[in-house]
Protein backbone atom coordinates (compact mmCIF):
# COMPACT_ATOMS: atom_id res chain seq x y z
CA UNK A 1 118.88 -33.37 40.73
CA UNK A 2 117.85 -30.79 43.00
CA UNK A 3 117.64 -28.26 40.19
CA UNK A 4 115.36 -30.62 38.29
CA UNK A 5 112.80 -30.89 41.18
CA UNK A 6 112.46 -27.29 41.74
CA UNK A 7 109.36 -25.30 40.59
CA UNK A 8 109.47 -22.67 37.99
CA UNK A 9 108.13 -19.37 39.05
CA UNK A 10 105.77 -17.30 36.76
CA UNK A 11 106.97 -13.97 35.57
CA UNK A 12 104.92 -10.81 35.78
CA UNK A 13 104.46 -10.95 32.14
CA UNK A 14 102.88 -14.39 32.38
CA UNK A 15 100.67 -13.16 35.20
CA UNK A 16 99.60 -10.10 33.17
CA UNK A 17 98.67 -12.49 30.30
CA UNK A 18 96.73 -14.80 32.41
CA UNK A 19 94.81 -12.07 34.02
CA UNK A 20 93.99 -10.62 30.60
CA UNK A 21 92.54 -13.74 29.30
CA UNK A 22 90.51 -14.31 32.38
CA UNK A 23 89.12 -10.65 32.05
CA UNK A 24 88.32 -11.32 28.44
CA UNK A 25 86.47 -14.49 29.51
CA UNK A 26 84.56 -12.66 32.15
CA UNK A 27 83.49 -9.95 29.81
CA UNK A 28 82.37 -12.47 27.27
CA UNK A 29 80.48 -14.43 30.07
CA UNK A 30 78.83 -11.31 31.27
CA UNK A 31 77.88 -10.28 27.64
CA UNK A 32 76.32 -13.57 26.71
CA UNK A 33 74.66 -14.40 30.05
CA UNK A 34 73.53 -10.89 31.17
CA UNK A 35 73.79 -8.08 28.77
CA UNK A 36 72.42 -9.97 25.75
CA UNK A 37 69.40 -11.11 27.70
CA UNK A 38 68.91 -7.78 28.99
CA UNK A 39 69.17 -6.23 25.61
CA UNK A 40 66.76 -8.61 24.17
CA UNK A 41 64.21 -7.94 26.97
CA UNK A 42 64.83 -4.25 26.60
CA UNK A 43 63.97 -4.40 22.84
CA UNK A 44 60.86 -6.47 23.42
CA UNK A 45 59.74 -3.91 26.08
CA UNK A 46 60.34 -1.02 23.78
CA UNK A 47 58.23 -2.72 21.23
CA UNK A 48 55.44 -3.33 23.70
CA UNK A 49 55.69 0.21 24.79
CA UNK A 50 55.42 1.42 21.35
CA UNK A 51 52.17 -0.84 20.75
CA UNK A 52 50.76 0.25 24.18
CA UNK A 53 51.34 3.84 23.21
CA UNK A 54 49.28 3.72 20.01
CA UNK A 55 46.49 1.91 22.11
CA UNK A 56 46.74 4.56 24.85
CA UNK A 57 46.32 7.24 22.18
CA UNK A 58 43.20 5.52 20.93
CA UNK A 59 41.83 5.29 24.39
CA UNK A 60 42.52 8.94 24.95
CA UNK A 61 40.57 9.73 21.82
CA UNK A 62 37.77 7.69 23.11
CA UNK A 63 37.73 9.46 26.40
CA UNK A 64 37.76 12.84 24.56
CA UNK A 65 34.82 11.62 22.60
CA UNK A 66 32.92 10.08 25.41
CA UNK A 67 29.91 12.34 25.30
CA UNK A 68 29.44 11.61 21.59
CA UNK A 69 29.49 7.90 22.34
CA UNK A 70 27.05 8.12 25.17
CA UNK A 71 24.66 10.10 22.80
CA UNK A 72 25.08 7.38 20.11
CA UNK A 73 24.55 4.70 22.58
CA UNK A 74 21.32 6.25 23.77
CA UNK A 75 20.07 6.77 20.18
CA UNK A 76 20.94 3.14 19.33
CA UNK A 77 18.95 1.92 22.33
CA UNK A 78 15.83 4.04 21.41
CA UNK A 79 16.20 2.76 17.79
CA UNK A 80 16.31 -0.87 18.96
CA UNK A 81 13.35 -0.29 21.27
CA UNK A 82 11.33 1.18 18.38
CA UNK A 83 12.06 -1.64 16.04
CA UNK A 84 11.32 -4.20 18.72
CA UNK A 85 8.02 -2.53 19.31
CA UNK A 86 7.13 -2.84 15.47
CA UNK A 87 7.88 -6.56 15.47
CA UNK A 88 5.24 -9.07 16.56
CA UNK A 89 5.85 -10.69 19.73
CA UNK A 90 5.61 -14.18 21.26
CA UNK A 91 4.51 -16.23 18.15
CA UNK A 92 2.95 -16.08 14.71
CA UNK A 93 0.44 -18.82 14.08
CA UNK A 94 -0.51 -20.11 10.58
CA UNK A 95 -3.89 -18.66 10.83
CA UNK A 96 -2.18 -15.22 11.45
CA UNK A 97 -0.18 -15.45 8.25
CA UNK A 98 -3.31 -16.78 6.41
CA UNK A 99 -5.29 -13.82 7.34
CA UNK A 100 -2.35 -11.44 6.20
CA UNK A 101 -2.19 -13.19 2.85
CA UNK A 102 -6.00 -12.83 2.55
CA UNK A 103 -5.89 -9.17 3.35
CA UNK A 104 -3.02 -8.63 0.81
CA UNK A 105 -4.60 -10.36 -1.93
CA UNK A 106 -8.10 -8.80 -1.29
CA UNK A 107 -6.29 -5.28 -1.28
CA UNK A 108 -4.88 -5.81 -4.85
CA UNK A 109 -7.70 -8.03 -6.10
CA UNK A 110 -5.53 -11.05 -6.75
CA UNK A 111 -6.78 -14.68 -6.74
CA UNK A 112 -5.16 -16.65 -3.90
CA UNK A 113 -5.24 -20.31 -4.74
CA UNK A 114 -2.87 -22.43 -2.56
CA UNK A 115 -0.67 -21.76 0.53
CA UNK A 116 2.13 -23.70 2.16
CA UNK A 117 3.39 -22.81 5.63
CA UNK A 118 7.04 -23.32 7.00
CA UNK A 119 7.70 -23.86 10.66
CA UNK A 120 9.46 -21.15 12.80
CA UNK A 121 13.12 -21.11 13.40
CA UNK A 122 15.44 -19.01 15.54
CA UNK A 123 17.70 -16.63 13.59
CA UNK A 124 19.14 -14.35 16.31
CA UNK A 125 19.67 -14.11 20.03
CA UNK A 126 20.65 -10.95 21.65
CA UNK A 127 20.41 -8.80 24.75
CA UNK A 128 18.59 -5.38 24.78
CA UNK A 129 16.36 -3.07 26.83
CA UNK A 130 12.80 -3.98 26.46
CA UNK A 131 10.20 -1.97 28.48
CA UNK A 132 12.97 -0.44 30.43
CA UNK A 133 14.47 -3.77 31.38
CA UNK A 134 17.44 -5.65 29.92
CA UNK A 135 16.19 -8.95 28.61
CA UNK A 136 17.40 -11.94 26.52
CA UNK A 137 15.55 -11.70 23.20
CA UNK A 138 15.10 -14.44 20.59
CA UNK A 139 14.29 -13.51 16.92
CA UNK A 140 12.34 -15.97 14.92
CA UNK A 141 11.53 -16.37 11.19
CA UNK A 142 8.41 -18.13 9.76
CA UNK A 143 7.63 -18.28 6.20
CA UNK A 144 4.96 -19.28 3.59
CA UNK A 145 4.71 -19.97 -0.14
CA UNK A 146 1.53 -18.96 -1.92
CA UNK A 147 0.29 -19.30 -5.50
CA UNK A 148 -2.32 -17.55 -7.46
CA UNK A 149 -3.26 -15.59 -10.48
CA UNK A 150 -3.09 -11.81 -10.96
CA UNK A 151 -2.11 -9.19 -13.51
CA UNK A 152 1.09 -7.21 -13.73
CA UNK A 153 -0.39 -4.16 -12.19
CA UNK A 154 -1.74 -6.30 -9.35
CA UNK A 155 1.76 -7.77 -8.83
CA UNK A 156 3.29 -4.27 -8.46
CA UNK A 157 0.49 -3.26 -5.97
CA UNK A 158 1.11 -6.56 -4.13
CA UNK A 159 4.90 -5.84 -3.69
CA UNK A 160 4.03 -2.35 -2.75
CA UNK A 161 1.67 -3.66 -0.09
CA UNK A 162 4.39 -5.82 1.30
CA UNK A 163 7.30 -3.28 1.41
CA UNK A 164 5.26 -0.05 2.32
CA UNK A 165 2.43 -1.19 4.59
CA UNK A 166 4.30 -4.02 6.44
CA UNK A 167 7.95 -3.21 5.82
CA UNK A 168 9.13 -4.00 9.27
CA UNK A 169 7.64 -7.49 9.69
CA UNK A 170 7.32 -9.05 6.21
CA UNK A 171 9.85 -9.50 3.42
CA UNK A 172 9.79 -11.15 -0.08
CA UNK A 173 12.19 -14.01 -0.34
CA UNK A 174 11.51 -15.02 -3.87
CA UNK A 175 8.99 -14.58 -6.56
CA UNK A 176 8.34 -16.36 -9.94
CA UNK A 177 5.78 -15.51 -12.59
CA UNK A 178 4.62 -17.27 -15.72
CA UNK A 179 2.24 -15.72 -18.16
CA UNK A 180 -0.94 -17.63 -19.01
CA UNK A 181 -2.24 -16.60 -22.42
CA UNK A 182 -5.50 -18.35 -21.87
CA UNK A 183 -6.66 -16.03 -19.15
CA UNK A 184 -4.32 -13.23 -19.93
CA UNK A 185 -2.88 -13.28 -16.43
CA UNK A 186 0.24 -14.11 -14.46
CA UNK A 187 0.66 -17.34 -12.59
CA UNK A 188 2.74 -16.42 -9.65
CA UNK A 189 4.46 -18.09 -6.73
CA UNK A 190 5.58 -15.85 -3.86
CA UNK A 191 7.71 -16.85 -0.91
CA UNK A 192 7.26 -14.47 2.09
CA UNK A 193 9.00 -14.31 5.45
CA UNK A 194 7.67 -12.91 8.69
CA UNK A 195 9.77 -12.15 11.74
CA UNK A 196 8.89 -11.79 15.44
CA UNK A 197 10.71 -11.74 18.77
CA UNK A 198 10.00 -13.58 22.07
CA UNK A 199 11.20 -12.68 25.39
CA UNK A 200 10.13 -12.93 29.07
CA UNK A 201 6.82 -11.31 29.44
CA UNK A 202 6.17 -11.07 25.75
CA UNK A 203 2.32 -11.09 24.92
CA UNK A 204 0.70 -12.80 21.90
CA UNK A 205 -1.27 -10.29 19.75
CA UNK A 206 -3.41 -12.09 17.20
CA UNK A 207 -4.49 -10.61 13.85
CA UNK A 208 -8.02 -9.36 13.67
CA UNK A 209 -10.00 -12.14 12.01
CA UNK A 210 -13.46 -11.77 10.43
CA UNK A 211 -16.38 -13.02 12.48
CA UNK A 212 -18.12 -16.08 11.14
CA UNK A 213 -21.16 -18.04 12.03
CA UNK A 214 -20.89 -21.24 14.02
CA UNK A 215 -20.55 -24.13 11.68
CA UNK A 216 -19.52 -21.99 8.70
CA UNK A 217 -17.05 -23.87 6.47
CA UNK A 218 -14.04 -22.26 4.76
CA UNK A 219 -14.22 -18.93 6.74
CA UNK A 220 -11.44 -17.34 4.80
CA UNK A 221 -12.77 -18.15 1.40
CA UNK A 222 -9.53 -19.92 0.19
CA UNK A 223 -10.59 -23.43 -0.26
CA UNK A 224 -13.11 -25.15 -2.68
CA UNK A 225 -16.71 -24.22 -2.55
CA UNK A 226 -18.69 -27.42 -2.01
CA UNK A 227 -20.87 -25.75 0.66
CA UNK A 228 -22.36 -22.92 -1.39
CA UNK A 229 -23.03 -25.50 -4.21
CA UNK A 230 -25.18 -27.65 -1.82
CA UNK A 231 -26.97 -24.59 -0.43
CA UNK A 232 -28.17 -23.58 -4.00
CA UNK A 233 -29.70 -27.08 -4.46
CA UNK A 234 -31.95 -26.80 -1.40
CA UNK A 235 -33.85 -23.90 -2.84
CA UNK A 236 -34.52 -25.83 -5.95
CA UNK A 237 -36.05 -28.57 -3.98
CA UNK A 238 -38.38 -26.17 -2.21
CA UNK A 239 -39.70 -24.86 -5.44
CA UNK A 240 -40.99 -28.34 -6.29
CA UNK A 241 -43.24 -28.36 -3.23
CA UNK A 242 -45.30 -25.44 -4.34
CA UNK A 243 -45.88 -27.16 -7.66
CA UNK A 244 -47.28 -30.10 -5.90
CA UNK A 245 -49.64 -27.90 -3.91
CA UNK A 246 -51.12 -26.38 -7.14
CA UNK A 247 -52.55 -29.80 -8.10
CA UNK A 248 -54.54 -30.01 -4.93
CA UNK A 249 -56.68 -27.00 -5.86
CA UNK A 250 -57.46 -28.52 -9.26
CA UNK A 251 -58.91 -31.51 -7.42
CA UNK A 252 -60.98 -29.26 -5.24
CA UNK A 253 -62.57 -27.68 -8.24
CA UNK A 254 -64.11 -30.98 -9.34
CA UNK A 255 -66.00 -31.31 -5.97
CA UNK A 256 -68.01 -28.20 -6.60
CA UNK A 257 -68.98 -29.62 -9.97
CA UNK A 258 -70.41 -32.67 -8.36
CA UNK A 259 -72.42 -30.47 -5.94
CA UNK A 260 -74.04 -28.64 -8.75
CA UNK A 261 -75.57 -31.89 -9.88
CA UNK A 262 -77.34 -32.28 -6.64
CA UNK A 263 -79.34 -29.08 -6.92
CA UNK A 264 -80.46 -30.11 -10.25
CA UNK A 265 -81.88 -33.38 -8.86
CA UNK A 266 -83.72 -31.29 -6.08
CA UNK A 267 -85.47 -29.20 -8.77
CA UNK A 268 -87.15 -32.26 -10.07
CA UNK A 269 -88.85 -33.07 -6.78
CA UNK A 270 -90.76 -29.65 -6.73
CA UNK A 271 -92.04 -30.52 -10.10
CA UNK A 272 -93.52 -33.64 -8.84
CA UNK A 273 -95.15 -31.95 -5.90
CA UNK A 274 -96.93 -29.46 -8.21
CA UNK A 275 -98.80 -32.36 -9.72
CA UNK A 276 -100.43 -33.13 -6.42
CA UNK A 277 -102.54 -30.04 -6.42
CA UNK A 278 -104.32 -31.54 -9.43
CA UNK A 279 -106.29 -33.61 -7.06
CA UNK A 280 -108.32 -30.61 -6.17
CA UNK A 281 -111.09 -32.29 -7.96
CA UNK A 282 -111.92 -34.01 -4.55
CA UNK A 283 -114.27 -31.26 -3.79
CA UNK A 284 -116.60 -32.49 -6.46
CA UNK A 285 -117.66 -34.80 -3.65
CA UNK A 286 -119.82 -31.98 -2.51
CA UNK A 287 -122.65 -33.82 -4.35
CA UNK A 288 -123.24 -35.84 -1.14
CA UNK A 289 -125.66 -33.18 0.05
CA UNK A 290 -127.82 -34.13 -2.89
CA UNK A 291 -128.09 -37.58 -1.41
CA UNK A 292 -129.32 -36.13 1.73
CA UNK A 293 -132.12 -34.71 -0.34
CA UNK A 294 -133.06 -38.19 -1.48
CA UNK A 295 -133.40 -39.22 2.10
């Protein structure tokens, strides 16, 4: 019974086996808990280093080309300033656009008939140097659609006028033409766009418009012409008045005819007075002295 209650001692072989198993467990735990995580982080870090290295090379190239970039930036600023100066500022009113259309059609000899205007809309917002200061600039677009008649040669001149003389401010959106055999011309419809910028301190520069008299209707000559027709009628009425005055002299010529009759009556009176001298026989009474002889 005593032998059964006694504890069995481990041999050195068993101790070595247990220590070996514990060592393997520690190695596996260290690998999975430490080295694997470290290895993953190291791989990610190497990948990031590779990415940053390429970016660092780009930055190095940019630094080496810094003078070239500065020169390009200065040229871009000057170019922006020049283009801003070419654009109208503040606003473009309908009468400004109408005057432009009038001048364009007058230059090519086209017949402008109808004009429809479009409201302005913001197309861009940016910051740039204007007059030496960095300002917030808004770009606007305004448009119009005009219809009229012109020849093919005039149409080419019209497009040349838009793209050569006003290339930085006006653009052709669309154009449609239909040939009219009755007048041997093209019925055209042209849609144009104008652009302008607005910023703090921008000044409105109106188009030079023709001077007109006070009360003149249709100063641009684009509408109907009722006013000229009415003015031509007024001279016709004035010519009738002289015709009435010529009748008055005819009536006055009758009055002198009546006066010539009066002198004829007066000539009769002298004839009657010439009969009176026939009474000169009265001196025959000189026979009275003979009666004195009788006495």
